[in-house]
């Protein structure tokens, strides 16, 4: 997946995030590539960095992490209503996530909506 070509106008991608994704096994590698593309497609000027050892965006507002059999896409709960927080999984008080086990499970419209809900409440 050639994200840099596909993402015209995006800031430079973080090389450490490139390395993190490249070392993953399938299907997590492809899931990460797709999630990264969705994040940059939604917010072309978003700040990408490695934080806490995982790819992170907007100073930790969003992240993704590879786990044994899935990828978690995490979101900050700051400013979200209780109803909005119910859109996510997990028991965290400041961050929650959605679990993705395969490329087929990626619902781009839903992910874009969730990204925008969190961004709106910053």
PDB file of N, CA and C in Angstrom:
ATOM      1  N   UNK A   1       0.861  -1.175   0.000  1.00  0.00           N
ATOM      2  CA  UNK A   1       0.000   0.000   0.000  1.00  0.00           C
ATOM      3  C   UNK A   1       0.900   1.229   0.000  1.00  0.00           C
ATOM      4  N   UNK A   2       0.769   2.098  -0.960  1.00  0.00           N
ATOM      5  CA  UNK A   2       1.604   3.286  -1.073  1.00  0.00           C
ATOM      6  C   UNK A   2       0.842   4.492  -0.560  1.00  0.00           C
ATOM      7  N   UNK A   3       0.849   4.639   0.730  1.00  0.00           N
ATOM      8  CA  UNK A   3       0.074   5.687   1.378  1.00  0.00           C
ATOM      9  C   UNK A   3       0.508   7.078   0.947  1.00  0.00           C
ATOM     10  N   UNK A   4       1.802   7.318   0.868  1.00  0.00           N
ATOM     11  CA  UNK A   4       2.282   8.666   0.570  1.00  0.00           C
ATOM     12  C   UNK A   4       1.773   9.151  -0.790  1.00  0.00           C
ATOM     13  N   UNK A   5       1.717   8.267  -1.764  1.00  0.00           N
ATOM     14  CA  UNK A   5       1.187   8.641  -3.076  1.00  0.00           C
ATOM     15  C   UNK A   5      -0.322   8.846  -3.021  1.00  0.00           C
ATOM     16  N   UNK A   6      -0.994   7.997  -2.258  1.00  0.00           N
ATOM     17  CA  UNK A   6      -2.453   8.044  -2.172  1.00  0.00           C
ATOM     18  C   UNK A   6      -2.956   9.231  -1.367  1.00  0.00           C
ATOM     19  N   UNK A   7      -2.100   9.817  -0.585  1.00  0.00           N
ATOM     20  CA  UNK A   7      -2.517  10.839   0.362  1.00  0.00           C
ATOM     21  C   UNK A   7      -1.917  12.188  -0.017  1.00  0.00           C
ATOM     22  N   UNK A   8      -2.344  12.721  -1.119  1.00  0.00           N
ATOM     23  CA  UNK A   8      -1.846  14.016  -1.585  1.00  0.00           C
ATOM     24  C   UNK A   8      -2.197  15.096  -0.575  1.00  0.00           C
ATOM     25  N   UNK A   9      -1.219  15.929  -0.252  1.00  0.00           N
ATOM     26  CA  UNK A   9      -1.457  17.008   0.694  1.00  0.00           C
ATOM     27  C   UNK A   9      -1.216  16.623   2.137  1.00  0.00           C
ATOM     28  N   UNK A  10      -0.996  15.330   2.393  1.00  0.00           N
ATOM     29  CA  UNK A  10      -0.725  14.899   3.768  1.00  0.00           C
ATOM     30  C   UNK A  10       0.683  15.318   4.161  1.00  0.00           C
ATOM     31  N   UNK A  11       0.860  15.595   5.441  1.00  0.00           N
ATOM     32  CA  UNK A  11       2.203  15.857   5.945  1.00  0.00           C
ATOM     33  C   UNK A  11       3.002  14.572   5.814  1.00  0.00           C
ATOM     34  N   UNK A  12       4.310  14.686   5.933  1.00  0.00           N
ATOM     35  CA  UNK A  12       5.155  13.494   5.869  1.00  0.00           C
ATOM     36  C   UNK A  12       4.756  12.494   6.939  1.00  0.00           C
ATOM     37  N   UNK A  13       4.745  11.247   6.541  1.00  0.00           N
ATOM     38  CA  UNK A  13       4.444  10.184   7.484  1.00  0.00           C
ATOM     39  C   UNK A  13       5.671   9.970   8.370  1.00  0.00           C
ATOM     40  N   UNK A  14       5.439   9.569   9.598  1.00  0.00           N
ATOM     41  CA  UNK A  14       6.513   9.326  10.548  1.00  0.00           C
ATOM     42  C   UNK A  14       7.230   8.022  10.196  1.00  0.00           C
ATOM     43  N   UNK A  15       8.547   8.084  10.049  1.00  0.00           N
ATOM     44  CA  UNK A  15       9.323   6.907   9.651  1.00  0.00           C
ATOM     45  C   UNK A  15       9.283   5.797  10.706  1.00  0.00           C
ATOM     46  N   UNK A  16       9.180   6.167  11.969  1.00  0.00           N
ATOM     47  CA  UNK A  16       9.081   5.149  13.018  1.00  0.00           C
ATOM     48  C   UNK A  16       7.745   4.407  12.941  1.00  0.00           C
ATOM     49  N   UNK A  17       6.704   5.103  12.512  1.00  0.00           N
ATOM     50  CA  UNK A  17       5.406   4.442  12.310  1.00  0.00           C
ATOM     51  C   UNK A  17       5.511   3.492  11.115  1.00  0.00           C
ATOM     52  N   UNK A  18       6.207   3.926  10.059  1.00  0.00           N
ATOM     53  CA  UNK A  18       6.451   3.033   8.917  1.00  0.00           C
ATOM     54  C   UNK A  18       7.082   1.727   9.397  1.00  0.00           C
ATOM     55  N   UNK A  19       8.122   1.843  10.224  1.00  0.00           N
ATOM     56  CA  UNK A  19       8.845   0.666  10.726  1.00  0.00           C
ATOM     57  C   UNK A  19       7.936  -0.213  11.587  1.00  0.00           C
ATOM     58  N   UNK A  20       7.135   0.416  12.434  1.00  0.00           N
ATOM     59  CA  UNK A  20       6.212  -0.326  13.299  1.00  0.00           C
ATOM     60  C   UNK A  20       5.264  -1.175  12.453  1.00  0.00           C
ATOM     61  N   UNK A  21       4.704  -0.568  11.422  1.00  0.00           N
ATOM     62  CA  UNK A  21       3.748  -1.279  10.568  1.00  0.00           C
ATOM     63  C   UNK A  21       4.443  -2.379   9.772  1.00  0.00           C
ATOM     64  N   UNK A  22       5.601  -2.067   9.216  1.00  0.00           N
ATOM     65  CA  UNK A  22       6.308  -3.032   8.368  1.00  0.00           C
ATOM     66  C   UNK A  22       6.688  -4.311   9.108  1.00  0.00           C
ATOM     67  N   UNK A  23       6.934  -4.228  10.413  1.00  0.00           N
ATOM     68  CA  UNK A  23       7.362  -5.423  11.154  1.00  0.00           C
ATOM     69  C   UNK A  23       6.197  -6.315  11.603  1.00  0.00           C
ATOM     70  N   UNK A  24       4.966  -5.881  11.348  1.00  0.00           N
ATOM     71  CA  UNK A  24       3.797  -6.655  11.786  1.00  0.00           C
ATOM     72  C   UNK A  24       3.512  -7.810  10.832  1.00  0.00           C
ATOM     73  N   UNK A  25       2.856  -8.832  11.359  1.00  0.00           N
ATOM     74  CA  UNK A  25       2.442  -9.979  10.548  1.00  0.00           C
ATOM     75  C   UNK A  25       1.060  -9.712   9.963  1.00  0.00           C
ATOM     76  N   UNK A  26       0.728 -10.489   8.951  1.00  0.00           N
ATOM     77  CA  UNK A  26      -0.596 -10.401   8.338  1.00  0.00           C
ATOM     78  C   UNK A  26      -1.607 -11.103   9.249  1.00  0.00           C
ATOM     79  N   UNK A  27      -2.802 -10.636   9.416  1.00  0.00           N
ATOM     80  CA  UNK A  27      -3.456  -9.509   8.749  1.00  0.00           C
ATOM     81  C   UNK A  27      -3.283  -8.171   9.480  1.00  0.00           C
ATOM     82  N   UNK A  28      -2.612  -8.180  10.652  1.00  0.00           N
ATOM     83  CA  UNK A  28      -2.473  -6.936  11.406  1.00  0.00           C
ATOM     84  C   UNK A  28      -1.748  -5.850  10.610  1.00  0.00           C
ATOM     85  N   UNK A  29      -0.755  -6.240   9.828  1.00  0.00           N
ATOM     86  CA  UNK A  29      -0.013  -5.265   9.025  1.00  0.00           C
ATOM     87  C   UNK A  29      -0.955  -4.525   8.072  1.00  0.00           C
ATOM     88  N   UNK A  30      -1.774  -5.273   7.357  1.00  0.00           N
ATOM     89  CA  UNK A  30      -2.696  -4.663   6.394  1.00  0.00           C
ATOM     90  C   UNK A  30      -3.777  -3.837   7.096  1.00  0.00           C
ATOM     91  N   UNK A  31      -4.199  -4.288   8.267  1.00  0.00           N
ATOM     92  CA  UNK A  31      -5.180  -3.517   9.044  1.00  0.00           C
ATOM     93  C   UNK A  31      -4.578  -2.173   9.432  1.00  0.00           C
ATOM     94  N   UNK A  32      -3.337  -2.183   9.919  1.00  0.00           N
ATOM     95  CA  UNK A  32      -2.663  -0.931  10.299  1.00  0.00           C
ATOM     96  C   UNK A  32      -2.522   0.006   9.106  1.00  0.00           C
ATOM     97  N   UNK A  33      -2.135  -0.546   7.968  1.00  0.00           N
ATOM     98  CA  UNK A  33      -1.985   0.277   6.768  1.00  0.00           C
ATOM     99  C   UNK A  33      -3.307   0.950   6.403  1.00  0.00           C
ATOM    100  N   UNK A  34      -4.385   0.189   6.466  1.00  0.00           N
ATOM    101  CA  UNK A  34      -5.704   0.727   6.121  1.00  0.00           C
ATOM    102  C   UNK A  34      -6.144   1.780   7.136  1.00  0.00           C
ATOM    103  N   UNK A  35      -5.953   1.513   8.424  1.00  0.00           N
ATOM    104  CA  UNK A  35      -6.348   2.488   9.446  1.00  0.00           C
ATOM    105  C   UNK A  35      -5.563   3.784   9.290  1.00  0.00           C
ATOM    106  N   UNK A  36      -4.285   3.660   9.034  1.00  0.00           N
ATOM    107  CA  UNK A  36      -3.441   4.848   8.843  1.00  0.00           C
ATOM    108  C   UNK A  36      -3.934   5.666   7.648  1.00  0.00           C
ATOM    109  N   UNK A  37      -4.271   4.978   6.590  1.00  0.00           N
ATOM    110  CA  UNK A  37      -4.771   5.659   5.396  1.00  0.00           C
ATOM    111  C   UNK A  37      -6.080   6.394   5.703  1.00  0.00           C
ATOM    112  N   UNK A  38      -6.972   5.768   6.468  1.00  0.00           N
ATOM    113  CA  UNK A  38      -8.246   6.399   6.829  1.00  0.00           C
ATOM    114  C   UNK A  38      -8.005   7.641   7.682  1.00  0.00           C
ATOM    115  N   UNK A  39      -7.089   7.539   8.649  1.00  0.00           N
ATOM    116  CA  UNK A  39      -6.786   8.687   9.516  1.00  0.00           C
ATOM    117  C   UNK A  39      -6.287   9.857   8.676  1.00  0.00           C
ATOM    118  N   UNK A  40      -5.328   9.607   7.777  1.00  0.00           N
ATOM    119  CA  UNK A  40      -4.773  10.695   6.968  1.00  0.00           C
ATOM    120  C   UNK A  40      -5.751  11.195   5.913  1.00  0.00           C
ATOM    121  N   UNK A  41      -6.601  10.328   5.423  1.00  0.00           N
ATOM    122  CA  UNK A  41      -7.628  10.756   4.465  1.00  0.00           C
ATOM    123  C   UNK A  41      -8.628  11.686   5.161  1.00  0.00           C
ATOM    124  N   UNK A  42      -8.934  11.382   6.420  1.00  0.00           N
ATOM    125  CA  UNK A  42      -9.890  12.176   7.188  1.00  0.00           C
ATOM    126  C   UNK A  42      -9.281  13.495   7.642  1.00  0.00           C
ATOM    127  N   UNK A  43      -8.035  13.451   8.087  1.00  0.00           N
ATOM    128  CA  UNK A  43      -7.332  14.640   8.592  1.00  0.00           C
ATOM    129  C   UNK A  43      -5.943  14.711   7.956  1.00  0.00           C
ATOM    130  N   UNK A  44      -5.814  15.260   6.740  1.00  0.00           N
ATOM    131  CA  UNK A  44      -4.530  15.266   6.026  1.00  0.00           C
ATOM    132  C   UNK A  44      -3.378  15.936   6.784  1.00  0.00           C
ATOM    133  N   UNK A  45      -3.669  16.883   7.649  1.00  0.00           N
ATOM    134  CA  UNK A  45      -2.612  17.595   8.368  1.00  0.00           C
ATOM    135  C   UNK A  45      -2.377  17.072   9.781  1.00  0.00           C
ATOM    136  N   UNK A  46      -2.890  15.912  10.096  1.00  0.00           N
ATOM    137  CA  UNK A  46      -2.783  15.377  11.455  1.00  0.00           C
ATOM    138  C   UNK A  46      -1.321  15.077  11.812  1.00  0.00           C
ATOM    139  N   UNK A  47      -0.997  15.266  13.075  1.00  0.00           N
ATOM    140  CA  UNK A  47       0.351  14.983  13.568  1.00  0.00           C
ATOM    141  C   UNK A  47       0.449  13.498  13.920  1.00  0.00           C
ATOM    142  N   UNK A  48       1.419  12.819  13.293  1.00  0.00           N
ATOM    143  CA  UNK A  48       1.639  11.395  13.535  1.00  0.00           C
ATOM    144  C   UNK A  48       2.980  11.212  14.240  1.00  0.00           C
ATOM    145  N   UNK A  49       2.981  10.375  15.275  1.00  0.00           N
ATOM    146  CA  UNK A  49       4.221  10.103  16.003  1.00  0.00           C
ATOM    147  C   UNK A  49       4.117   8.746  16.687  1.00  0.00           C
ATOM    148  N   UNK A  50       5.243   8.268  17.183  1.00  0.00           N
ATOM    149  CA  UNK A  50       5.248   7.087  18.039  1.00  0.00           C
ATOM    150  C   UNK A  50       5.172   7.592  19.469  1.00  0.00           C
ATOM    151  N   UNK A  51       4.194   7.100  20.213  1.00  0.00           N
ATOM    152  CA  UNK A  51       4.010   7.496  21.607  1.00  0.00           C
ATOM    153  C   UNK A  51       3.605   6.233  22.359  1.00  0.00           C
ATOM    154  N   UNK A  52       4.206   5.990  23.498  1.00  0.00           N
ATOM    155  CA  UNK A  52       3.932   4.770  24.264  1.00  0.00           C
ATOM    156  C   UNK A  52       4.271   3.510  23.452  1.00  0.00           C
ATOM    157  N   UNK A  53       5.156   3.649  22.457  1.00  0.00           N
ATOM    158  CA  UNK A  53       5.565   2.505  21.652  1.00  0.00           C
ATOM    159  C   UNK A  53       4.615   2.124  20.536  1.00  0.00           C
ATOM    160  N   UNK A  54       3.596   2.966  20.290  1.00  0.00           N
ATOM    161  CA  UNK A  54       2.618   2.677  19.237  1.00  0.00           C
ATOM    162  C   UNK A  54       2.335   3.934  18.416  1.00  0.00           C
ATOM    163  N   UNK A  55       1.838   3.780  17.181  1.00  0.00           N
ATOM    164  CA  UNK A  55       1.467   4.945  16.382  1.00  0.00           C
ATOM    165  C   UNK A  55       0.371   5.751  17.074  1.00  0.00           C
ATOM    166  N   UNK A  56       0.591   7.049  17.130  1.00  0.00           N
ATOM    167  CA  UNK A  56      -0.313   7.944  17.849  1.00  0.00           C
ATOM    168  C   UNK A  56      -0.542   9.200  17.009  1.00  0.00           C
ATOM    169  N   UNK A  57      -1.713   9.783  17.179  1.00  0.00           N
ATOM    170  CA  UNK A  57      -2.095  10.959  16.390  1.00  0.00           C
ATOM    171  C   UNK A  57      -2.634  12.049  17.302  1.00  0.00           C
ATOM    172  N   UNK A  58      -2.347  13.300  16.929  1.00  0.00           N
ATOM    173  CA  UNK A  58      -2.854  14.452  17.688  1.00  0.00           C
ATOM    174  C   UNK A  58      -2.519  14.343  19.171  1.00  0.00           C
ATOM    175  N   UNK A  59      -1.237  14.127  19.460  1.00  0.00           N
ATOM    176  CA  UNK A  59      -0.766  14.054  20.854  1.00  0.00           C
ATOM    177  C   UNK A  59      -1.521  13.016  21.683  1.00  0.00           C
ATOM    178  N   UNK A  60      -1.806  11.876  21.090  1.00  0.00           N
ATOM    179  CA  UNK A  60      -2.426  10.778  21.820  1.00  0.00           C
ATOM    180  C   UNK A  60      -3.938  10.737  21.777  1.00  0.00           C
ATOM    181  N   UNK A  61      -4.533  11.593  20.987  1.00  0.00           N
ATOM    182  CA  UNK A  61      -5.996  11.599  20.870  1.00  0.00           C
ATOM    183  C   UNK A  61      -6.502  10.308  20.204  1.00  0.00           C
ATOM    184  N   UNK A  62      -5.704   9.787  19.267  1.00  0.00           N
ATOM    185  CA  UNK A  62      -6.002   8.528  18.583  1.00  0.00           C
ATOM    186  C   UNK A  62      -4.728   7.688  18.586  1.00  0.00           C
ATOM    187  N   UNK A  63      -4.875   6.376  18.537  1.00  0.00           N
ATOM    188  CA  UNK A  63      -3.717   5.491  18.409  1.00  0.00           C
ATOM    189  C   UNK A  63      -4.187   4.165  17.820  1.00  0.00           C
ATOM    190  N   UNK A  64      -3.244   3.383  17.336  1.00  0.00           N
ATOM    191  CA  UNK A  64      -3.561   1.987  17.068  1.00  0.00           C
ATOM    192  C   UNK A  64      -2.417   1.128  17.580  1.00  0.00           C
ATOM    193  N   UNK A  65      -2.779  -0.060  18.027  1.00  0.00           N
ATOM    194  CA  UNK A  65      -1.801  -0.985  18.601  1.00  0.00           C
ATOM    195  C   UNK A  65      -2.110  -2.399  18.114  1.00  0.00           C
ATOM    196  N   UNK A  66      -1.052  -3.101  17.731  1.00  0.00           N
ATOM    197  CA  UNK A  66      -1.195  -4.480  17.279  1.00  0.00           C
ATOM    198  C   UNK A  66      -1.162  -5.400  18.493  1.00  0.00           C
ATOM    199  N   UNK A  67      -2.154  -6.250  18.587  1.00  0.00           N
ATOM    200  CA  UNK A  67      -2.223  -7.262  19.634  1.00  0.00           C
ATOM    201  C   UNK A  67      -2.176  -8.641  18.976  1.00  0.00           C
ATOM    202  N   UNK A  68      -2.233  -9.693  19.759  1.00  0.00           N
ATOM    203  CA  UNK A  68      -2.013 -11.048  19.247  1.00  0.00           C
ATOM    204  C   UNK A  68      -2.882 -11.407  18.041  1.00  0.00           C
ATOM    205  N   UNK A  69      -4.180 -11.141  18.130  1.00  0.00           N
ATOM    206  CA  UNK A  69      -5.070 -11.552  17.038  1.00  0.00           C
ATOM    207  C   UNK A  69      -5.928 -10.422  16.488  1.00  0.00           C
ATOM    208  N   UNK A  70      -5.584  -9.188  16.827  1.00  0.00           N
ATOM    209  CA  UNK A  70      -6.362  -8.050  16.318  1.00  0.00           C
ATOM    210  C   UNK A  70      -5.573  -6.748  16.478  1.00  0.00           C
ATOM    211  N   UNK A  71      -6.178  -5.673  16.023  1.00  0.00           N
ATOM    212  CA  UNK A  71      -5.622  -4.328  16.188  1.00  0.00           C
ATOM    213  C   UNK A  71      -6.664  -3.503  16.924  1.00  0.00           C
ATOM    214  N   UNK A  72      -6.230  -2.779  17.937  1.00  0.00           N
ATOM    215  CA  UNK A  72      -7.118  -1.830  18.610  1.00  0.00           C
ATOM    216  C   UNK A  72      -6.890  -0.450  18.018  1.00  0.00           C
ATOM    217  N   UNK A  73      -7.973   0.211  17.663  1.00  0.00           N
ATOM    218  CA  UNK A  73      -7.929   1.616  17.273  1.00  0.00           C
ATOM    219  C   UNK A  73      -8.502   2.377  18.456  1.00  0.00           C
ATOM    220  N   UNK A  74      -7.648   3.161  19.108  1.00  0.00           N
ATOM    221  CA  UNK A  74      -8.039   3.823  20.345  1.00  0.00           C
ATOM    222  C   UNK A  74      -8.376   5.285  20.159  1.00  0.00           C
ATOM    223  N   UNK A  75      -9.234   5.776  21.052  1.00  0.00           N
ATOM    224  CA  UNK A  75      -9.745   7.139  20.983  1.00  0.00           C
ATOM    225  C   UNK A  75      -9.770   7.763  22.372  1.00  0.00           C
ATOM    226  N   UNK A  76      -9.442   9.037  22.447  1.00  0.00           N
ATOM    227  CA  UNK A  76      -9.571   9.791  23.691  1.00  0.00           C
ATOM    228  C   UNK A  76     -11.050  10.021  23.984  1.00  0.00           C
ATOM    229  N   UNK A  77     -11.412   9.955  25.251  1.00  0.00           N
ATOM    230  CA  UNK A  77     -12.801  10.184  25.658  1.00  0.00           C
ATOM    231  C   UNK A  77     -13.041  11.625  26.091  1.00  0.00           C
ATOM    232  N   UNK A  78     -12.007  12.431  26.093  1.00  0.00           N
ATOM    233  CA  UNK A  78     -12.114  13.806  26.581  1.00  0.00           C
ATOM    234  C   UNK A  78     -13.230  14.567  25.866  1.00  0.00           C
ATOM    235  N   UNK A  79     -14.159  15.073  26.641  1.00  0.00           N
ATOM    236  CA  UNK A  79     -15.239  15.888  26.101  1.00  0.00           C
ATOM    237  C   UNK A  79     -16.403  15.115  25.507  1.00  0.00           C
ATOM    238  N   UNK A  80     -16.335  13.787  25.501  1.00  0.00           N
ATOM    239  CA  UNK A  80     -17.419  13.001  24.907  1.00  0.00           C
ATOM    240  C   UNK A  80     -18.538  12.779  25.916  1.00  0.00           C
ATOM    241  N   UNK A  81     -19.761  12.801  25.418  1.00  0.00           N
ATOM    242  CA  UNK A  81     -20.911  12.502  26.271  1.00  0.00           C
ATOM    243  C   UNK A  81     -20.917  11.005  26.588  1.00  0.00           C
ATOM    244  N   UNK A  82     -21.701  10.612  27.583  1.00  0.00           N
ATOM    245  CA  UNK A  82     -21.823   9.185  27.930  1.00  0.00           C
ATOM    246  C   UNK A  82     -22.307   8.378  26.723  1.00  0.00           C
ATOM    247  N   UNK A  83     -23.247   8.937  25.989  1.00  0.00           N
ATOM    248  CA  UNK A  83     -23.784   8.252  24.810  1.00  0.00           C
ATOM    249  C   UNK A  83     -22.686   8.064  23.752  1.00  0.00           C
ATOM    250  N   UNK A  84     -21.875   9.108  23.534  1.00  0.00           N
ATOM    251  CA  UNK A  84     -20.782   9.002  22.564  1.00  0.00           C
ATOM    252  C   UNK A  84     -19.742   7.981  23.029  1.00  0.00           C
ATOM    253  N   UNK A  85     -19.478   7.924  24.332  1.00  0.00           N
ATOM    254  CA  UNK A  85     -18.507   6.967  24.863  1.00  0.00           C
ATOM    255  C   UNK A  85     -18.958   5.528  24.638  1.00  0.00           C
ATOM    256  N   UNK A  86     -20.256   5.314  24.555  1.00  0.00           N
ATOM    257  CA  UNK A  86     -20.791   3.969  24.338  1.00  0.00           C
ATOM    258  C   UNK A  86     -20.511   3.440  22.928  1.00  0.00           C
ATOM    259  N   UNK A  87     -20.022   4.293  22.043  1.00  0.00           N
ATOM    260  CA  UNK A  87     -19.672   3.866  20.691  1.00  0.00           C
ATOM    261  C   UNK A  87     -18.397   3.016  20.684  1.00  0.00           C
ATOM    262  N   UNK A  88     -17.666   3.036  21.805  1.00  0.00           N
ATOM    263  CA  UNK A  88     -16.368   2.377  21.892  1.00  0.00           C
ATOM    264  C   UNK A  88     -16.394   1.212  22.868  1.00  0.00           C
ATOM    265  N   UNK A  89     -15.376   0.350  22.780  1.00  0.00           N
ATOM    266  CA  UNK A  89     -15.201  -0.776  23.691  1.00  0.00           C
ATOM    267  C   UNK A  89     -14.164  -0.417  24.747  1.00  0.00           C
ATOM    268  N   UNK A  90     -14.106  -1.229  25.787  1.00  0.00           N
ATOM    269  CA  UNK A  90     -13.074  -1.062  26.799  1.00  0.00           C
ATOM    270  C   UNK A  90     -13.602  -0.426  28.061  1.00  0.00           C
ATOM    271  N   UNK A  91     -12.797  -0.522  29.105  1.00  0.00           N
ATOM    272  CA  UNK A  91     -13.215  -0.004  30.404  1.00  0.00           C
ATOM    273  C   UNK A  91     -12.395   1.199  30.848  1.00  0.00           C
ATOM    274  N   UNK A  92     -11.563   1.726  29.959  1.00  0.00           N
ATOM    275  CA  UNK A  92     -10.723   2.866  30.312  1.00  0.00           C
ATOM    276  C   UNK A  92     -11.538   4.104  30.651  1.00  0.00           C
ATOM    277  N   UNK A  93     -10.976   4.921  31.507  1.00  0.00           N
ATOM    278  CA  UNK A  93     -11.652   6.161  31.902  1.00  0.00           C
ATOM    279  C   UNK A  93     -11.272   7.336  31.002  1.00  0.00           C
ATOM    280  N   UNK A  94     -10.103   7.254  30.332  1.00  0.00           N
ATOM    281  CA  UNK A  94      -9.674   8.347  29.462  1.00  0.00           C
ATOM    282  C   UNK A  94      -9.562   7.936  27.997  1.00  0.00           C
ATOM    283  N   UNK A  95      -9.425   6.636  27.733  1.00  0.00           N
ATOM    284  CA  UNK A  95      -9.304   6.125  26.366  1.00  0.00           C
ATOM    285  C   UNK A  95     -10.156   4.864  26.238  1.00  0.00           C
ATOM    286  N   UNK A  96     -10.754   4.695  25.056  1.00  0.00           N
ATOM    287  CA  UNK A  96     -11.447   3.446  24.717  1.00  0.00           C
ATOM    288  C   UNK A  96     -11.033   3.084  23.298  1.00  0.00           C
ATOM    289  N   UNK A  97     -11.546   2.006  22.773  1.00  0.00           N
ATOM    290  CA  UNK A  97     -11.078   1.521  21.479  1.00  0.00           C
ATOM    291  C   UNK A  97     -12.173   0.752  20.740  1.00  0.00           C
ATOM    292  N   UNK A  98     -11.846   0.424  19.499  1.00  0.00           N
ATOM    293  CA  UNK A  98     -12.610  -0.573  18.756  1.00  0.00           C
ATOM    294  C   UNK A  98     -11.607  -1.648  18.347  1.00  0.00           C
ATOM    295  N   UNK A  99     -12.038  -2.904  18.347  1.00  0.00           N
ATOM    296  CA  UNK A  99     -11.186  -4.030  17.968  1.00  0.00           C
ATOM    297  C   UNK A  99     -11.437  -4.380  16.514  1.00  0.00           C
ATOM    298  N   UNK A 100     -10.348  -4.640  15.792  1.00  0.00           N
ATOM    299  CA  UNK A 100     -10.463  -5.020  14.387  1.00  0.00           C
ATOM    300  C   UNK A 100      -9.635  -6.288  14.178  1.00  0.00           C
ATOM    301  N   UNK A 101     -10.300  -7.361  13.758  1.00  0.00           N
ATOM    302  CA  UNK A 101      -9.643  -8.655  13.572  1.00  0.00           C
ATOM    303  C   UNK A 101      -9.252  -8.932  12.119  1.00  0.00           C
ATOM    304  N   UNK A 102      -9.895  -8.251  11.172  1.00  0.00           N
ATOM    305  CA  UNK A 102      -9.610  -8.499   9.756  1.00  0.00           C
ATOM    306  C   UNK A 102      -9.909  -7.242   8.943  1.00  0.00           C
ATOM    307  N   UNK A 103      -9.369  -7.213   7.730  1.00  0.00           N
ATOM    308  CA  UNK A 103      -9.650  -6.082   6.835  1.00  0.00           C
ATOM    309  C   UNK A 103     -11.143  -5.957   6.558  1.00  0.00           C
ATOM    310  N   UNK A 104     -11.830  -7.092   6.487  1.00  0.00           N
ATOM    311  CA  UNK A 104     -13.269  -7.077   6.205  1.00  0.00           C
ATOM    312  C   UNK A 104     -14.060  -6.363   7.294  1.00  0.00           C
ATOM    313  N   UNK A 105     -13.531  -6.361   8.512  1.00  0.00           N
ATOM    314  CA  UNK A 105     -14.222  -5.712   9.630  1.00  0.00           C
ATOM    315  C   UNK A 105     -14.087  -4.192   9.617  1.00  0.00           C
ATOM    316  N   UNK A 106     -13.211  -3.669   8.780  1.00  0.00           N
ATOM    317  CA  UNK A 106     -13.003  -2.220   8.771  1.00  0.00           C
ATOM    318  C   UNK A 106     -14.177  -1.546   8.079  1.00  0.00           C
ATOM    319  N   UNK A 107     -14.931  -0.789   8.841  1.00  0.00           N
ATOM    320  CA  UNK A 107     -16.059  -0.008   8.336  1.00  0.00           C
ATOM    321  C   UNK A 107     -15.580   1.440   8.265  1.00  0.00           C
ATOM    322  N   UNK A 108     -15.115   1.837   7.082  1.00  0.00           N
ATOM    323  CA  UNK A 108     -14.494   3.152   6.939  1.00  0.00           C
ATOM    324  C   UNK A 108     -15.429   4.281   7.351  1.00  0.00           C
ATOM    325  N   UNK A 109     -16.692   4.202   6.972  1.00  0.00           N
ATOM    326  CA  UNK A 109     -17.641   5.268   7.334  1.00  0.00           C
ATOM    327  C   UNK A 109     -17.771   5.396   8.848  1.00  0.00           C
ATOM    328  N   UNK A 110     -17.849   4.263   9.531  1.00  0.00           N
ATOM    329  CA  UNK A 110     -17.963   4.279  10.994  1.00  0.00           C
ATOM    330  C   UNK A 110     -16.698   4.860  11.626  1.00  0.00           C
ATOM    331  N   UNK A 111     -15.538   4.440  11.129  1.00  0.00           N
ATOM    332  CA  UNK A 111     -14.277   4.934  11.692  1.00  0.00           C
ATOM    333  C   UNK A 111     -14.138   6.430  11.477  1.00  0.00           C
ATOM    334  N   UNK A 112     -14.471   6.910  10.289  1.00  0.00           N
ATOM    335  CA  UNK A 112     -14.413   8.355  10.016  1.00  0.00           C
ATOM    336  C   UNK A 112     -15.346   9.098  10.968  1.00  0.00           C
ATOM    337  N   UNK A 113     -16.542   8.565  11.173  1.00  0.00           N
ATOM    338  CA  UNK A 113     -17.495   9.192  12.095  1.00  0.00           C
ATOM    339  C   UNK A 113     -16.911   9.275  13.503  1.00  0.00           C
ATOM    340  N   UNK A 114     -16.310   8.178  13.972  1.00  0.00           N
ATOM    341  CA  UNK A 114     -15.722   8.157  15.312  1.00  0.00           C
ATOM    342  C   UNK A 114     -14.553   9.132  15.425  1.00  0.00           C
ATOM    343  N   UNK A 115     -13.704   9.172  14.398  1.00  0.00           N
ATOM    344  CA  UNK A 115     -12.587  10.120  14.398  1.00  0.00           C
ATOM    345  C   UNK A 115     -13.099  11.555  14.513  1.00  0.00           C
ATOM    346  N   UNK A 116     -14.148  11.862  13.763  1.00  0.00           N
ATOM    347  CA  UNK A 116     -14.693  13.226  13.767  1.00  0.00           C
ATOM    348  C   UNK A 116     -15.398  13.563  15.075  1.00  0.00           C
ATOM    349  N   UNK A 117     -16.066  12.588  15.691  1.00  0.00           N
ATOM    350  CA  UNK A 117     -16.719  12.820  16.988  1.00  0.00           C
ATOM    351  C   UNK A 117     -15.667  13.218  18.018  1.00  0.00           C
ATOM    352  N   UNK A 118     -14.561  12.489  18.048  1.00  0.00           N
ATOM    353  CA  UNK A 118     -13.500  12.781  19.015  1.00  0.00           C
ATOM    354  C   UNK A 118     -12.850  14.126  18.701  1.00  0.00           C
ATOM    355  N   UNK A 119     -12.586  14.400  17.435  1.00  0.00           N
ATOM    356  CA  UNK A 119     -11.962  15.673  17.029  1.00  0.00           C
ATOM    357  C   UNK A 119     -12.854  16.848  17.413  1.00  0.00           C
ATOM    358  N   UNK A 120     -14.154  16.707  17.219  1.00  0.00           N
ATOM    359  CA  UNK A 120     -15.109  17.781  17.510  1.00  0.00           C
ATOM    360  C   UNK A 120     -15.097  18.144  18.993  1.00  0.00           C
ATOM    361  N   UNK A 121     -14.792  17.191  19.841  1.00  0.00           N
ATOM    362  CA  UNK A 121     -14.861  17.403  21.285  1.00  0.00           C
ATOM    363  C   UNK A 121     -13.511  17.691  21.928  1.00  0.00           C
ATOM    364  N   UNK A 122     -12.548  18.133  21.149  1.00  0.00           N
ATOM    365  CA  UNK A 122     -11.228  18.391  21.744  1.00  0.00           C
ATOM    366  C   UNK A 122     -11.201  19.654  22.564  1.00  0.00           C
TER     367      UNK A 122
END
